[in-house]
C-alpha cells in the first residue's frame, strides 16, 4: 500500500504546476514540439523544456524524434480523464460558492 501512496504523491507533484497542466491540455490534440508548445502557451522555450522534462521524468509524456525536432505526446490518455474530473470538482465548488453568495444577498 505504501508504494501506491508514494506513486500517487509523486504523480500529483508532477501535476502541481499550472504550466504543466497547460502543456497536458495542449497535448490533447496530439503530439507537439517545444516550439509549438511555446507558441500555444506564450512562454519561453526554456520554460517549456523545463516543464516537459519534469513531465517526462514522471512518465506522463513520451518523445518521438524526427530529424532535429522532438515531439511530445501523452503516455497515458487517462490523464485527460483526471484533468476533466478536476475541472468538474472545480465547477462543483464554484456552484457551491455562487449559491452561498446568492444566499447572502
Protein backbone atom coordinates (compact mmCIF):
# COMPACT_ATOMS: atom_id res chain seq x y z
CA UNK A 1 0.00 0.00 0.00
CA UNK A 2 2.84 2.41 0.73
CA UNK A 3 4.09 2.07 -2.86
CA UNK A 4 0.77 3.17 -4.34
CA UNK A 5 0.57 6.12 -1.96
CA UNK A 6 4.09 7.17 -2.91
CA UNK A 7 3.22 6.80 -6.60
CA UNK A 8 0.11 8.93 -6.15
CA UNK A 9 2.03 11.62 -4.26
CA UNK A 10 4.74 11.79 -6.93
CA UNK A 11 2.13 11.75 -9.68
CA UNK A 12 0.27 14.71 -8.20
CA UNK A 13 3.54 16.56 -7.61
CA UNK A 14 4.16 16.28 -11.35
CA UNK A 15 0.79 17.91 -11.97
CA UNK A 16 1.32 20.62 -9.36
CA UNK A 17 2.22 23.45 -11.73
CA UNK A 18 -0.14 25.46 -13.97
CA UNK A 19 2.25 25.35 -16.94
CA UNK A 20 2.46 21.56 -16.77
CA UNK A 21 -1.34 21.34 -16.71
CA UNK A 22 -1.48 23.70 -19.70
CA UNK A 23 1.04 21.51 -21.56
CA UNK A 24 -1.02 18.39 -20.89
CA UNK A 25 -4.18 20.12 -22.06
CA UNK A 26 -2.40 21.25 -25.24
CA UNK A 27 -1.33 17.68 -25.93
CA UNK A 28 -4.96 16.53 -26.05
CA UNK A 29 -4.96 17.19 -29.79
CA UNK A 30 -1.82 15.14 -30.37
CA UNK A 31 1.93 15.44 -30.31
CA UNK A 32 3.61 18.83 -30.33
CA UNK A 33 7.16 20.16 -30.43
CA UNK A 34 8.68 22.53 -27.89
CA UNK A 35 8.31 25.40 -30.37
CA UNK A 36 4.66 24.60 -30.99
CA UNK A 37 4.04 24.42 -27.24
CA UNK A 38 5.95 27.69 -26.74
CA UNK A 39 3.60 29.41 -29.16
CA UNK A 40 0.47 27.86 -27.63
CA UNK A 41 1.48 28.67 -24.04
CA UNK A 42 3.06 32.02 -24.94
CA UNK A 43 6.11 31.38 -22.75
CA UNK A 44 9.84 30.94 -23.36
CA UNK A 45 11.06 27.68 -24.90
CA UNK A 46 13.42 27.14 -21.94
CA UNK A 47 10.47 27.18 -19.54
CA UNK A 48 8.53 24.76 -21.76
CA UNK A 49 11.53 22.43 -21.91
CA UNK A 50 11.97 22.56 -18.14
CA UNK A 51 8.33 21.63 -17.53
CA UNK A 52 8.40 18.92 -20.20
CA UNK A 53 11.47 17.43 -18.54
CA UNK A 54 9.53 17.05 -15.30
CA UNK A 55 6.57 15.50 -17.09
CA UNK A 56 8.87 13.12 -18.96
CA UNK A 57 10.73 12.11 -15.78
CA UNK A 58 7.38 11.27 -14.18
CA UNK A 59 6.37 9.22 -17.28
CA UNK A 60 3.46 11.48 -18.18
CA UNK A 61 4.77 12.34 -21.64
CA UNK A 62 6.82 10.47 -24.20
CA UNK A 63 9.00 11.74 -27.02
CA UNK A 64 9.50 10.99 -30.68
CA UNK A 65 12.45 12.36 -32.60
CA UNK A 66 12.06 13.36 -36.24
CA UNK A 67 15.26 14.85 -37.62
CA UNK A 68 16.17 17.79 -35.42
CA UNK A 69 12.68 18.01 -33.91
CA UNK A 70 11.48 16.28 -30.78
CA UNK A 71 7.74 15.77 -30.45
CA UNK A 72 5.96 15.22 -27.16
CA UNK A 73 2.76 13.30 -26.57
CA UNK A 74 0.81 11.87 -23.64
CA UNK A 75 1.92 8.48 -22.45
CA UNK A 76 -1.43 7.52 -20.92
CA UNK A 77 -4.58 9.31 -22.17
CA UNK A 78 -6.31 8.52 -18.86
CA UNK A 79 -4.56 11.65 -17.58
CA UNK A 80 -7.18 13.62 -19.52
CA UNK A 81 -9.93 11.92 -17.52
CA UNK A 82 -8.24 13.04 -14.32
CA UNK A 83 -7.93 16.61 -15.61
CA UNK A 84 -11.59 16.56 -16.64
CA UNK A 85 -12.64 15.27 -13.21
CA UNK A 86 -10.60 18.02 -11.59
CA UNK A 87 -12.42 20.58 -13.72
CA UNK A 88 -15.77 19.08 -12.68
CA UNK A 89 -14.76 19.30 -9.00
CA UNK A 90 -13.76 22.94 -9.55
CA UNK A 91 -17.14 23.65 -11.16
CA UNK A 92 -18.94 21.99 -8.25
CA UNK A 93 -17.05 24.19 -5.79
CA UNK A 94 -17.83 27.24 -7.90
CA UNK A 95 -21.54 26.39 -7.90
CA UNK A 96 -21.46 26.00 -4.11
CA UNK A 97 -19.74 29.36 -3.68
CA UNK A 98 -22.22 31.03 -6.03
CA UNK A 99 -25.11 29.58 -4.03
CA UNK A 100 -23.57 30.86 -0.80
CA UNK A 101 -23.18 34.33 -2.30
CA UNK A 102 -26.77 34.32 -3.51
CA UNK A 103 -27.88 33.35 -0.01
CA UNK A 104 -26.04 36.33 1.44
CA UNK A 105 -27.95 38.84 -0.71
